[in-house]
C-alpha atoms as a PDB file:
ATOM      1  CA  MET A   1       5.973  30.821  33.334  1.00  0.00           C
ATOM      2  CA  SER A   2       4.435  34.078  34.931  1.00  0.00           C
ATOM      3  CA  LYS A   3       2.648  37.123  33.529  1.00  0.00           C
ATOM      4  CA  VAL A   4       3.627  40.267  35.094  1.00  0.00           C
ATOM      5  CA  LEU A   5       1.760  43.548  34.689  1.00  0.00           C
ATOM      6  CA  VAL A   6       4.069  46.429  35.270  1.00  0.00           C
ATOM      7  CA  ILE A   7       2.557  49.926  35.877  1.00  0.00           C
ATOM      8  CA  ARG A   8       4.268  53.339  34.863  1.00  0.00           C
ATOM      9  CA  LEU A   9       2.093  55.588  33.539  1.00  0.00           C
ATOM     10  CA  SER A  10       4.163  58.579  33.143  1.00  0.00           C
ATOM     11  CA  ALA A  11       6.234  60.856  32.816  1.00  0.00           C
ATOM     12  CA  LEU A  12       8.493  60.366  29.896  1.00  0.00           C
ATOM     13  CA  GLY A  13      11.568  60.665  31.918  1.00  0.00           C
ATOM     14  CA  ASP A  14      10.438  58.170  34.348  1.00  0.00           C
ATOM     15  CA  VAL A  15       9.039  55.644  32.006  1.00  0.00           C
ATOM     16  CA  ALA A  16      12.391  56.091  30.037  1.00  0.00           C
ATOM     17  CA  MET A  17      14.369  54.975  32.976  1.00  0.00           C
ATOM     18  CA  LEU A  18      12.252  52.097  33.609  1.00  0.00           C
ATOM     19  CA  VAL A  19      13.393  50.384  30.252  1.00  0.00           C
ATOM     20  CA  PRO A  20      17.092  49.316  31.346  1.00  0.00           C
ATOM     21  CA  VAL A  21      15.369  47.358  34.285  1.00  0.00           C
ATOM     22  CA  LEU A  22      12.463  45.925  32.466  1.00  0.00           C
ATOM     23  CA  TYR A  23      14.451  44.746  29.399  1.00  0.00           C
ATOM     24  CA  SER A  24      17.325  43.444  31.481  1.00  0.00           C
ATOM     25  CA  ILE A  25      14.932  41.150  33.420  1.00  0.00           C
ATOM     26  CA  ALA A  26      12.788  40.181  30.493  1.00  0.00           C
ATOM     27  CA  THR A  27      16.092  38.961  28.624  1.00  0.00           C
ATOM     28  CA  LYS A  28      17.034  36.759  31.805  1.00  0.00           C
ATOM     29  CA  HIS A  29      13.393  35.635  31.832  1.00  0.00           C
ATOM     30  CA  PRO A  30      12.306  34.752  28.388  1.00  0.00           C
ATOM     31  CA  GLU A  31       9.910  32.428  29.789  1.00  0.00           C
ATOM     32  CA  ASP A  32       7.653  35.130  31.470  1.00  0.00           C
ATOM     33  CA  GLU A  33       5.772  37.621  29.688  1.00  0.00           C
ATOM     34  CA  PHE A  34       5.775  41.383  30.811  1.00  0.00           C
ATOM     35  CA  ILE A  35       3.207  44.007  30.217  1.00  0.00           C
ATOM     36  CA  LEU A  36       3.876  47.470  30.831  1.00  0.00           C
ATOM     37  CA  VAL A  37       0.716  49.698  31.464  1.00  0.00           C
ATOM     38  CA  THR A  38       1.474  53.379  30.423  1.00  0.00           C
ATOM     39  CA  LYS A  39       0.198  56.637  28.578  1.00  0.00           C
ATOM     40  CA  SER A  40      -0.505  56.144  24.948  1.00  0.00           C
ATOM     41  CA  PRO A  41       1.933  59.041  23.752  1.00  0.00           C
ATOM     42  CA  LEU A  42       4.792  57.252  25.310  1.00  0.00           C
ATOM     43  CA  LEU A  43       4.229  54.081  22.912  1.00  0.00           C
ATOM     44  CA  GLY A  44       6.967  55.251  20.454  1.00  0.00           C
ATOM     45  CA  ILE A  45       9.774  54.476  23.163  1.00  0.00           C
ATOM     46  CA  PHE A  46       8.991  50.789  22.895  1.00  0.00           C
ATOM     47  CA  GLU A  47       9.354  50.319  19.155  1.00  0.00           C
ATOM     48  CA  TYR A  48      12.472  48.527  20.077  1.00  0.00           C
ATOM     49  CA  LYS A  49      12.132  45.787  22.892  1.00  0.00           C
ATOM     50  CA  PRO A  50      12.598  42.173  23.658  1.00  0.00           C
ATOM     51  CA  SER A  51       9.807  39.811  22.409  1.00  0.00           C
ATOM     52  CA  ASN A  52       8.280  39.179  25.605  1.00  0.00           C
ATOM     53  CA  VAL A  53       7.573  42.763  26.447  1.00  0.00           C
ATOM     54  CA  SER A  54       4.367  44.175  25.262  1.00  0.00           C
ATOM     55  CA  VAL A  55       2.799  47.616  26.163  1.00  0.00           C
ATOM     56  CA  PHE A  56      -0.890  48.518  27.166  1.00  0.00           C
ATOM     57  CA  PRO A  57      -1.736  51.798  26.083  1.00  0.00           C
ATOM     58  CA  VAL A  58      -3.814  53.997  28.678  1.00  0.00           C
ATOM     59  CA  TYR A  59      -5.738  56.626  26.988  1.00  0.00           C
ATOM     60  CA  SER A  60      -6.083  59.962  28.981  1.00  0.00           C
ATOM     61  CA  LYS A  61      -9.628  60.851  27.023  1.00  0.00           C
ATOM     62  CA  ASN A  62     -12.414  58.835  26.160  1.00  0.00           C
ATOM     63  CA  VAL A  63     -12.404  55.139  27.273  1.00  0.00           C
ATOM     64  CA  HIS A  64      -9.886  55.541  30.212  1.00  0.00           C
ATOM     65  CA  LYS A  65     -10.906  58.921  31.434  1.00  0.00           C
ATOM     66  CA  GLY A  66     -12.181  59.354  34.947  1.00  0.00           C
ATOM     67  CA  PHE A  67     -13.527  56.870  37.594  1.00  0.00           C
ATOM     68  CA  LYS A  68     -15.553  55.228  34.890  1.00  0.00           C
ATOM     69  CA  GLY A  69     -12.729  54.982  32.415  1.00  0.00           C
ATOM     70  CA  LEU A  70     -10.515  53.756  35.608  1.00  0.00           C
ATOM     71  CA  PHE A  71     -12.982  50.691  36.280  1.00  0.00           C
ATOM     72  CA  HIS A  72     -12.917  49.904  32.541  1.00  0.00           C
ATOM     73  CA  LEU A  73      -9.186  49.862  32.237  1.00  0.00           C
ATOM     74  CA  ILE A  74      -8.994  47.496  35.516  1.00  0.00           C
ATOM     75  CA  ARG A  75     -11.429  45.364  33.467  1.00  0.00           C
ATOM     76  CA  GLU A  76      -9.594  45.223  30.589  1.00  0.00           C
ATOM     77  CA  LEU A  77      -6.116  44.412  32.738  1.00  0.00           C
ATOM     78  CA  TRP A  78      -8.074  41.742  34.514  1.00  0.00           C
ATOM     79  CA  ALA A  79      -8.781  40.151  31.366  1.00  0.00           C
ATOM     80  CA  LEU A  80      -4.997  39.792  30.684  1.00  0.00           C
ATOM     81  CA  LYS A  81      -4.944  37.474  33.595  1.00  0.00           C
ATOM     82  CA  PRO A  82      -1.427  38.615  35.200  1.00  0.00           C
ATOM     83  CA  ASP A  83       0.093  36.553  38.145  1.00  0.00           C
ATOM     84  CA  LYS A  84       1.990  39.434  39.512  1.00  0.00           C
ATOM     85  CA  VAL A  85       1.911  43.212  39.406  1.00  0.00           C
ATOM     86  CA  ALA A  86       4.715  45.683  39.675  1.00  0.00           C
ATOM     87  CA  ASP A  87       3.524  49.303  40.643  1.00  0.00           C
ATOM     88  CA  ALA A  88       6.262  51.229  39.694  1.00  0.00           C
ATOM     89  CA  HIS A  89       4.410  54.644  39.643  1.00  0.00           C
ATOM     90  CA  ASN A  90       2.336  54.640  43.318  1.00  0.00           C
ATOM     91  CA  VAL A  91       0.003  56.909  42.289  1.00  0.00           C
ATOM     92  CA  LEU A  92      -3.767  57.470  42.872  1.00  0.00           C
ATOM     93  CA  ARG A  93      -4.425  55.347  39.772  1.00  0.00           C
ATOM     94  CA  SER A  94      -1.946  52.822  39.974  1.00  0.00           C
ATOM     95  CA  ILE A  95      -3.117  52.286  43.703  1.00  0.00           C
ATOM     96  CA  TYR A  96      -6.614  51.429  42.586  1.00  0.00           C
ATOM     97  CA  ILE A  97      -5.429  49.088  40.168  1.00  0.00           C
ATOM     98  CA  ARG A  98      -2.733  47.129  42.465  1.00  0.00           C
ATOM     99  CA  THR A  99      -5.472  47.187  45.524  1.00  0.00           C
ATOM    100  CA  PHE A 100      -7.989  45.450  42.877  1.00  0.00           C
ATOM    101  CA  PHE A 101      -5.175  42.632  42.087  1.00  0.00           C
ATOM    102  CA  LEU A 102      -4.044  42.348  45.748  1.00  0.00           C
ATOM    103  CA  LEU A 103      -7.582  41.513  46.761  1.00  0.00           C
ATOM    104  CA  ALA A 104      -7.774  39.051  44.345  1.00  0.00           C
ATOM    105  CA  GLY A 105      -4.696  37.244  45.836  1.00  0.00           C
ATOM    106  CA  LYS A 106      -2.138  38.281  43.066  1.00  0.00           C
ATOM    107  CA  LYS A 107       1.404  39.104  44.306  1.00  0.00           C
ATOM    108  CA  VAL A 108       2.216  42.795  44.232  1.00  0.00           C
ATOM    109  CA  SER A 109       5.163  44.888  44.609  1.00  0.00           C
ATOM    110  CA  VAL A 110       5.281  48.866  45.203  1.00  0.00           C
ATOM    111  CA  ILE A 111       7.965  51.346  44.411  1.00  0.00           C
ATOM    112  CA  ASP A 112       9.239  53.454  47.632  1.00  0.00           C
ATOM    113  CA  LYS A 113       9.703  56.790  46.192  1.00  0.00           C
ATOM    114  CA  GLY A 114      11.824  58.077  49.090  1.00  0.00           C
ATOM    115  CA  LYS A 115       9.573  61.215  49.371  1.00  0.00           C
ATOM    116  CA  ALA A 116      10.967  62.267  52.839  1.00  0.00           C
ATOM    117  CA  GLU A 117      14.861  61.914  51.788  1.00  0.00           C
ATOM    118  CA  LYS A 118      14.129  64.048  48.817  1.00  0.00           C
ATOM    119  CA  THR A 119      12.255  66.752  51.027  1.00  0.00           C
ATOM    120  CA  ALA A 120      15.364  66.706  53.306  1.00  0.00           C
ATOM    121  CA  LEU A 121      17.607  67.115  50.174  1.00  0.00           C
ATOM    122  CA  THR A 122      15.570  70.071  48.549  1.00  0.00           C
ATOM    123  CA  ARG A 123      14.445  71.948  51.737  1.00  0.00           C
ATOM    124  CA  ARG A 124      15.745  75.635  52.069  1.00  0.00           C
ATOM    125  CA  TYR A 125      17.600  75.278  55.327  1.00  0.00           C
ATOM    126  CA  ASN A 126      19.373  72.240  57.124  1.00  0.00           C
ATOM    127  CA  LYS A 127      19.747  70.265  53.932  1.00  0.00           C
ATOM    128  CA  LYS A 128      20.633  66.649  53.964  1.00  0.00           C
ATOM    129  CA  PHE A 129      22.961  66.860  51.028  1.00  0.00           C
ATOM    130  CA  SER A 130      23.809  63.272  49.839  1.00  0.00           C
ATOM    131  CA  PRO A 131      23.225  61.076  46.978  1.00  0.00           C
ATOM    132  CA  LEU A 132      19.626  59.336  47.321  1.00  0.00           C
ATOM    133  CA  LYS A 133      18.667  56.145  45.775  1.00  0.00           C
ATOM    134  CA  THR A 134      18.553  56.620  42.017  1.00  0.00           C
ATOM    135  CA  SER A 135      15.119  55.974  40.323  1.00  0.00           C
ATOM    136  CA  ILE A 136      16.969  52.795  38.539  1.00  0.00           C
ATOM    137  CA  GLN A 137      17.799  51.312  41.890  1.00  0.00           C
ATOM    138  CA  ARG A 138      14.040  52.019  43.095  1.00  0.00           C
ATOM    139  CA  TYR A 139      12.647  50.081  39.970  1.00  0.00           C
ATOM    140  CA  CYS A 140      14.951  47.181  40.623  1.00  0.00           C
ATOM    141  CA  GLU A 141      13.770  46.790  44.308  1.00  0.00           C
ATOM    142  CA  VAL A 142      10.210  46.491  42.976  1.00  0.00           C
ATOM    143  CA  PHE A 143      11.215  43.627  40.656  1.00  0.00           C
ATOM    144  CA  SER A 144      13.339  42.255  43.424  1.00  0.00           C
ATOM    145  CA  ASP A 145      10.290  41.742  45.701  1.00  0.00           C
ATOM    146  CA  LEU A 146       8.509  39.806  43.010  1.00  0.00           C
ATOM    147  CA  GLY A 147      11.670  37.283  43.158  1.00  0.00           C
ATOM    148  CA  TYR A 148      13.488  38.822  40.198  1.00  0.00           C
ATOM    149  CA  ASP A 149      17.048  39.390  40.129  1.00  0.00           C
ATOM    150  CA  PRO A 150      17.660  42.915  38.999  1.00  0.00           C
ATOM    151  CA  GLU A 151      21.106  42.637  37.518  1.00  0.00           C
ATOM    152  CA  LEU A 152      21.297  45.229  34.618  1.00  0.00           C
ATOM    153  CA  THR A 153      22.550  44.168  31.501  1.00  0.00           C
ATOM    154  CA  PHE A 154      21.163  46.596  29.152  1.00  0.00           C
ATOM    155  CA  LYS A 155      23.225  48.663  26.983  1.00  0.00           C
ATOM    156  CA  SER A 156      21.040  49.994  24.250  1.00  0.00           C
ATOM    157  CA  ILE A 157      17.337  49.523  22.957  1.00  0.00           C
ATOM    158  CA  PHE A 158      19.072  48.585  19.764  1.00  0.00           C
ATOM    159  CA  GLU A 159      20.086  45.417  21.447  1.00  0.00           C
ATOM    160  CA  TYR A 160      16.869  44.160  20.234  1.00  0.00           C
ATOM    161  CA  ALA A 161      16.694  45.372  16.692  1.00  0.00           C
ATOM    162  CA  ASP A 162      18.687  46.325  13.848  1.00  0.00           C
ATOM    163  CA  ARG A 163      19.630  49.870  13.343  1.00  0.00           C
ATOM    164  CA  GLU A 164      18.029  51.028   9.862  1.00  0.00           C
ATOM    165  CA  PHE A 165      19.983  54.103   8.468  1.00  0.00           C
ATOM    166  CA  GLY A 166      18.136  54.157   5.454  1.00  0.00           C
ATOM    167  CA  ILE A 167      14.968  55.320   7.671  1.00  0.00           C
ATOM    168  CA  ILE A 168      16.554  58.717   8.603  1.00  0.00           C
ATOM    169  CA  GLU A 169      18.983  58.856   5.717  1.00  0.00           C
ATOM    170  CA  PRO A 170      16.644  61.158   3.653  1.00  0.00           C
ATOM    171  CA  PHE A 171      16.314  63.599   6.264  1.00  0.00           C
ATOM    172  CA  THR A 172      19.756  63.563   8.019  1.00  0.00           C
ATOM    173  CA  GLY A 173      22.037  63.022   4.692  1.00  0.00           C
ATOM    174  CA  ASN A 174      25.182  60.728   5.166  1.00  0.00           C
ATOM    175  CA  LYS A 175      26.959  60.338   8.163  1.00  0.00           C
ATOM    176  CA  THR A 176      30.347  62.265   7.981  1.00  0.00           C
ATOM    177  CA  GLY A 177      32.010  64.473  10.427  1.00  0.00           C
ATOM    178  CA  THR A 178      30.649  65.042  14.066  1.00  0.00           C
ATOM    179  CA  TRP A 179      26.980  64.793  14.670  1.00  0.00           C
ATOM    180  CA  ILE A 180      25.938  66.868  17.836  1.00  0.00           C
ATOM    181  CA  GLY A 181      22.380  67.048  19.311  1.00  0.00           C
ATOM    182  CA  ILE A 182      20.789  69.756  21.391  1.00  0.00           C
ATOM    183  CA  ALA A 183      17.917  69.470  23.095  1.00  0.00           C
ATOM    184  CA  PRO A 184      17.331  72.831  24.955  1.00  0.00           C
ATOM    185  CA  PHE A 185      14.144  72.785  26.591  1.00  0.00           C
ATOM    186  CA  ALA A 186      12.373  71.416  29.746  1.00  0.00           C
ATOM    187  CA  LYS A 187       9.008  71.310  31.323  1.00  0.00           C
ATOM    188  CA  HIS A 188      10.150  73.631  34.238  1.00  0.00           C
ATOM    189  CA  ARG A 189      11.622  77.069  34.278  1.00  0.00           C
ATOM    190  CA  GLY A 190      14.224  76.003  36.947  1.00  0.00           C
ATOM    191  CA  LYS A 191      15.706  73.241  34.495  1.00  0.00           C
ATOM    192  CA  ILE A 192      15.965  75.554  31.105  1.00  0.00           C
ATOM    193  CA  TYR A 193      19.199  77.122  30.195  1.00  0.00           C
ATOM    194  CA  PRO A 194      18.547  80.763  28.879  1.00  0.00           C
ATOM    195  CA  PRO A 195      17.651  80.437  25.200  1.00  0.00           C
ATOM    196  CA  GLU A 196      19.920  83.338  24.303  1.00  0.00           C
ATOM    197  CA  LYS A 197      23.156  81.276  26.033  1.00  0.00           C
ATOM    198  CA  THR A 198      21.843  78.216  24.344  1.00  0.00           C
ATOM    199  CA  GLU A 199      22.046  80.106  21.073  1.00  0.00           C
ATOM    200  CA  GLU A 200      25.819  81.052  21.988  1.00  0.00           C
ATOM    201  CA  VAL A 201      26.788  77.416  22.292  1.00  0.00           C
ATOM    202  CA  LEU A 202      24.892  76.741  18.951  1.00  0.00           C
ATOM    203  CA  LYS A 203      26.789  79.528  17.376  1.00  0.00           C
ATOM    204  CA  ILE A 204      30.181  78.261  18.403  1.00  0.00           C
ATOM    205  CA  LEU A 205      29.493  74.542  17.523  1.00  0.00           C
ATOM    206  CA  SER A 206      27.788  75.098  14.059  1.00  0.00           C
ATOM    207  CA  SER A 207      30.724  77.443  12.798  1.00  0.00           C
ATOM    208  CA  ARG A 208      33.010  74.161  13.137  1.00  0.00           C
ATOM    209  CA  PRO A 209      33.904  72.455  10.161  1.00  0.00           C
ATOM    210  CA  ASP A 210      32.572  68.871   9.384  1.00  0.00           C
ATOM    211  CA  THR A 211      30.001  69.298  12.257  1.00  0.00           C
ATOM    212  CA  LYS A 212      26.176  68.821  11.851  1.00  0.00           C
ATOM    213  CA  ILE A 213      23.922  69.875  14.723  1.00  0.00           C
ATOM    214  CA  PHE A 214      20.498  68.502  15.359  1.00  0.00           C
ATOM    215  CA  LEU A 215      17.868  70.407  17.444  1.00  0.00           C
ATOM    216  CA  PHE A 216      15.424  68.298  19.584  1.00  0.00           C
ATOM    217  CA  GLY A 217      12.216  69.228  21.014  1.00  0.00           C
ATOM    218  CA  GLY A 218       8.531  69.414  21.607  1.00  0.00           C
ATOM    219  CA  LYS A 219       5.718  70.561  19.410  1.00  0.00           C
ATOM    220  CA  GLU A 220       5.627  73.569  21.141  1.00  0.00           C
ATOM    221  CA  GLU A 221       9.206  74.358  20.715  1.00  0.00           C
ATOM    222  CA  THR A 222       9.232  73.792  16.886  1.00  0.00           C
ATOM    223  CA  ASP A 223       9.087  77.476  16.068  1.00  0.00           C
ATOM    224  CA  SER A 224      12.020  78.587  18.122  1.00  0.00           C
ATOM    225  CA  LEU A 225      14.440  75.700  16.922  1.00  0.00           C
ATOM    226  CA  ARG A 226      13.329  76.146  13.250  1.00  0.00           C
ATOM    227  CA  THR A 227      14.590  79.874  13.593  1.00  0.00           C
ATOM    228  CA  TRP A 228      17.756  78.571  14.842  1.00  0.00           C
ATOM    229  CA  SER A 229      17.999  75.956  12.022  1.00  0.00           C
ATOM    230  CA  GLU A 230      17.478  78.831   9.713  1.00  0.00           C
ATOM    231  CA  ARG A 231      19.962  80.953  11.364  1.00  0.00           C
ATOM    232  CA  TYR A 232      23.196  78.757  11.613  1.00  0.00           C
ATOM    233  CA  PRO A 233      24.682  76.448   9.236  1.00  0.00           C
ATOM    234  CA  SER A 234      24.567  72.795   9.118  1.00  0.00           C
ATOM    235  CA  THR A 235      21.872  72.943  11.815  1.00  0.00           C
ATOM    236  CA  VAL A 236      18.764  70.638  11.400  1.00  0.00           C
ATOM    237  CA  CYS A 237      15.404  71.091  13.210  1.00  0.00           C
ATOM    238  CA  ILE A 238      14.085  67.512  14.183  1.00  0.00           C
ATOM    239  CA  ALA A 239      11.212  68.953  16.424  1.00  0.00           C
ATOM    240  CA  GLY A 240       7.841  68.245  14.562  1.00  0.00           C
ATOM    241  CA  ASN A 241       9.896  66.280  11.691  1.00  0.00           C
ATOM    242  CA  MET A 242      10.329  63.101  13.248  1.00  0.00           C
ATOM    243  CA  LYS A 243       8.425  60.301  15.446  1.00  0.00           C
ATOM    244  CA  PHE A 244       9.694  58.928  18.583  1.00  0.00           C
ATOM    245  CA  PRO A 245      11.076  55.841  17.041  1.00  0.00           C
ATOM    246  CA  SER A 246      12.988  57.613  14.121  1.00  0.00           C
ATOM    247  CA  GLU A 247      14.269  60.337  16.811  1.00  0.00           C
ATOM    248  CA  LEU A 248      15.525  57.502  18.831  1.00  0.00           C
ATOM    249  CA  LEU A 249      17.666  56.007  15.848  1.00  0.00           C
ATOM    250  CA  LEU A 250      18.938  59.293  14.907  1.00  0.00           C
ATOM    251  CA  MET A 251      20.127  59.677  18.571  1.00  0.00           C
ATOM    252  CA  SER A 252      21.996  56.518  18.250  1.00  0.00           C
ATOM    253  CA  TYR A 253      24.219  57.844  15.654  1.00  0.00           C
ATOM    254  CA  ILE A 254      24.827  61.298  17.372  1.00  0.00           C
ATOM    255  CA  ASP A 255      28.425  61.499  18.829  1.00  0.00           C
ATOM    256  CA  VAL A 256      27.329  63.652  21.811  1.00  0.00           C
ATOM    257  CA  ILE A 257      23.878  65.251  22.752  1.00  0.00           C
ATOM    258  CA  LEU A 258      23.498  68.285  24.926  1.00  0.00           C
ATOM    259  CA  THR A 259      20.194  68.240  27.297  1.00  0.00           C
ATOM    260  CA  MET A 260      18.925  69.835  30.283  1.00  0.00           C
ATOM    261  CA  ASP A 261      17.627  67.646  33.369  1.00  0.00           C
ATOM    262  CA  SER A 262      14.832  66.249  31.050  1.00  0.00           C
ATOM    263  CA  GLY A 263      13.280  63.485  29.050  1.00  0.00           C
ATOM    264  CA  ASN A 264      15.378  63.820  26.229  1.00  0.00           C
ATOM    265  CA  MET A 265      18.635  63.135  28.577  1.00  0.00           C
ATOM    266  CA  HIS A 266      16.616  59.930  29.326  1.00  0.00           C
ATOM    267  CA  LEU A 267      15.793  58.814  25.671  1.00  0.00           C
ATOM    268  CA  ALA A 268      19.379  59.446  24.729  1.00  0.00           C
ATOM    269  CA  SER A 269      20.477  57.350  27.543  1.00  0.00           C
ATOM    270  CA  LEU A 270      18.333  54.426  26.228  1.00  0.00           C
ATOM    271  CA  THR A 271      20.361  54.516  22.807  1.00  0.00           C
ATOM    272  CA  GLY A 272      23.812  54.328  24.328  1.00  0.00           C
ATOM    273  CA  THR A 273      24.535  58.073  23.419  1.00  0.00           C
ATOM    274  CA  PRO A 274      27.025  60.193  25.526  1.00  0.00           C
ATOM    275  CA  THR A 275      25.045  63.144  27.010  1.00  0.00           C
ATOM    276  CA  VAL A 276      26.278  66.466  28.340  1.00  0.00           C
ATOM    277  CA  SER A 277      23.321  67.616  30.712  1.00  0.00           C
ATOM    278  CA  ILE A 278      22.584  71.126  32.208  1.00  0.00           C
ATOM    279  CA  TRP A 279      21.560  70.952  35.934  1.00  0.00           C
ATOM    280  CA  GLY A 280      20.054  74.234  37.639  1.00  0.00           C
ATOM    281  CA  ALA A 281      17.406  74.045  40.398  1.00  0.00           C
ATOM    282  CA  THR A 282      17.682  70.158  40.281  1.00  0.00           C
ATOM    283  CA  HIS A 283      20.653  67.912  41.039  1.00  0.00           C
ATOM    284  CA  PRO A 284      21.867  64.584  40.178  1.00  0.00           C
ATOM    285  CA  TYR A 285      21.680  63.487  43.876  1.00  0.00           C
ATOM    286  CA  ALA A 286      17.904  63.371  43.651  1.00  0.00           C
ATOM    287  CA  GLY A 287      18.346  60.131  41.527  1.00  0.00           C
ATOM    288  CA  PHE A 288      17.156  61.284  38.170  1.00  0.00           C
ATOM    289  CA  TYR A 289      20.526  60.891  36.140  1.00  0.00           C
ATOM    290  CA  GLY A 290      20.519  59.426  32.774  1.00  0.00           C
ATOM    291  CA  PHE A 291      21.250  55.596  32.616  1.00  0.00           C
ATOM    292  CA  GLY A 292      24.868  54.826  31.947  1.00  0.00           C
ATOM    293  CA  GLN A 293      25.988  58.413  31.811  1.00  0.00           C
ATOM    294  CA  SER A 294      28.968  59.285  33.668  1.00  0.00           C
ATOM    295  CA  PRO A 295      28.742  61.991  36.530  1.00  0.00           C
ATOM    296  CA  ASP A 296      31.644  63.826  35.167  1.00  0.00           C
ATOM    297  CA  ASN A 297      29.350  64.864  32.043  1.00  0.00           C
ATOM    298  CA  ALA A 298      27.019  66.874  34.271  1.00  0.00           C
ATOM    299  CA  VAL A 299      27.403  70.678  33.991  1.00  0.00           C
ATOM    300  CA  GLN A 300      26.408  72.510  36.872  1.00  0.00           C
ATOM    301  CA  ILE A 301      27.631  74.894  39.652  1.00  0.00           C
ATOM    302  CA  GLU A 302      27.240  74.308  43.594  1.00  0.00           C
ATOM    303  CA  LEU A 303      25.275  76.651  45.269  1.00  0.00           C
ATOM    304  CA  SER A 304      24.109  76.406  49.205  1.00  0.00           C
ATOM    305  CA  CYS A 305      20.383  76.434  47.811  1.00  0.00           C
ATOM    306  CA  ARG A 306      20.775  73.666  45.456  1.00  0.00           C
ATOM    307  CA  PRO A 307      18.670  71.644  44.805  1.00  0.00           C
ATOM    308  CA  CYS A 308      15.704  73.705  45.729  1.00  0.00           C
ATOM    309  CA  SER A 309      13.324  71.033  44.129  1.00  0.00           C
ATOM    310  CA  VAL A 310      13.309  67.793  42.798  1.00  0.00           C
ATOM    311  CA  TYR A 311      11.510  68.479  39.512  1.00  0.00           C
ATOM    312  CA  GLY A 312      12.562  72.389  39.210  1.00  0.00           C
ATOM    313  CA  ASN A 313       8.938  73.429  39.151  1.00  0.00           C
ATOM    314  CA  LYS A 314       9.400  75.910  42.589  1.00  0.00           C
ATOM    315  CA  PRO A 315       9.901  79.308  42.001  1.00  0.00           C
ATOM    316  CA  CYS A 316      13.469  80.697  42.634  1.00  0.00           C
ATOM    317  CA  PHE A 317      13.515  82.326  46.106  1.00  0.00           C
ATOM    318  CA  ARG A 318      16.701  84.191  44.992  1.00  0.00           C
ATOM    319  CA  LYS A 319      14.608  85.358  41.917  1.00  0.00           C
ATOM    320  CA  ASP A 320      17.750  85.259  39.810  1.00  0.00           C
ATOM    321  CA  TYR A 321      18.122  81.571  38.981  1.00  0.00           C
ATOM    322  CA  ALA A 322      21.699  81.821  39.579  1.00  0.00           C
ATOM    323  CA  CYS A 323      22.085  78.122  39.512  1.00  0.00           C
ATOM    324  CA  ILE A 324      21.373  77.978  35.606  1.00  0.00           C
ATOM    325  CA  ASN A 325      22.217  81.568  34.635  1.00  0.00           C
ATOM    326  CA  GLY A 326      25.563  81.184  36.274  1.00  0.00           C
ATOM    327  CA  ILE A 327      26.521  78.347  33.935  1.00  0.00           C
ATOM    328  CA  SER A 328      28.508  80.048  30.928  1.00  0.00           C
ATOM    329  CA  PRO A 329      28.316  78.999  27.471  1.00  0.00           C
ATOM    330  CA  GLN A 330      32.194  78.156  27.416  1.00  0.00           C
ATOM    331  CA  MET A 331      31.620  75.850  30.222  1.00  0.00           C
ATOM    332  CA  ILE A 332      29.036  73.832  28.335  1.00  0.00           C
ATOM    333  CA  VAL A 333      31.309  73.990  25.081  1.00  0.00           C
ATOM    334  CA  GLU A 334      34.289  72.740  26.874  1.00  0.00           C
ATOM    335  CA  LYS A 335      32.371  69.770  28.387  1.00  0.00           C
ATOM    336  CA  ILE A 336      30.898  68.865  24.935  1.00  0.00           C
ATOM    337  CA  ASP A 337      34.623  68.846  23.671  1.00  0.00           C
ATOM    338  CA  PHE A 338      35.903  66.713  26.574  1.00  0.00           C
ATOM    339  CA  VAL A 339      33.208  64.201  25.757  1.00  0.00           C
ATOM    340  CA  LEU A 340      34.086  64.346  22.115  1.00  0.00           C
ATOM    341  CA  SER A 341      37.710  63.866  22.879  1.00  0.00           C
ATOM    342  CA  SER A 342      37.016  60.653  25.117  1.00  0.00           C
ATOM    343  CA  HIS A 343      35.116  58.662  22.643  1.00  0.00           C
END
């Protein structure tokens, strides 16, 4: 029996992509214990998990803040007495943690992020335009180095707990007709579809009979989403009204969800929900596509400058964001209809 410390502090999408790998391995090795070290705001993702997976929360303020907090964190993790350490993040904080355990004689494995390949993929000239290893594959390699067979058996987080529709029913009503989710925002400008065009998509979809739309987003996006929910029929704003576990439960009942290249794409993937994703400055070739999602469901236009960034955080050198502005609302609606007709 081994106790494995798994480190992936952030971000939402990256932590979500770790779930299929971690849960697959934990399910195949019930005799081992897996402790995921991640930031406290992400705890809600792990409401549904194998019994031999636990989550150790890292707090950005107070107890774990700064170097003093880091040493306090290391002491707390040492008290857990792990046998192995899987560093699935490879940032300064995880480097300190894994080095401590390495010097203590523990088996340590570290993710290869493929930075050089990603630089070649996103450079402006002489791109090396080809698919890179996915984050899922990179996580698998970390566990393989620790002696685990990383065969992926994961289908949905609801393999590990019953879905209780009654939890969300007071808010959603009965499940009838077609349910469509829309998560129209992302962290960076290069990954956000223009709101006025998103509204066109919403207008088309909400006008259909027997169709209900659910709008997902963060607290800072709540006002915009509430405005849309008030403007269009059969449209419900989820942002600010549900916690993580309930949002995941709702996603599992949705027929298709429209997202950006964002955390919501990965959350929906954990529930086995078909996802139509919009790609602008970024590209699926960088390895961040949703787990189990069909590549055919990505909406994108090919430009020689794409991708210009792994994360969509670089300003557009053309100044027009043609990569995402060039996608028409009709292209998106057609892709949603394609997915709905395929399931």
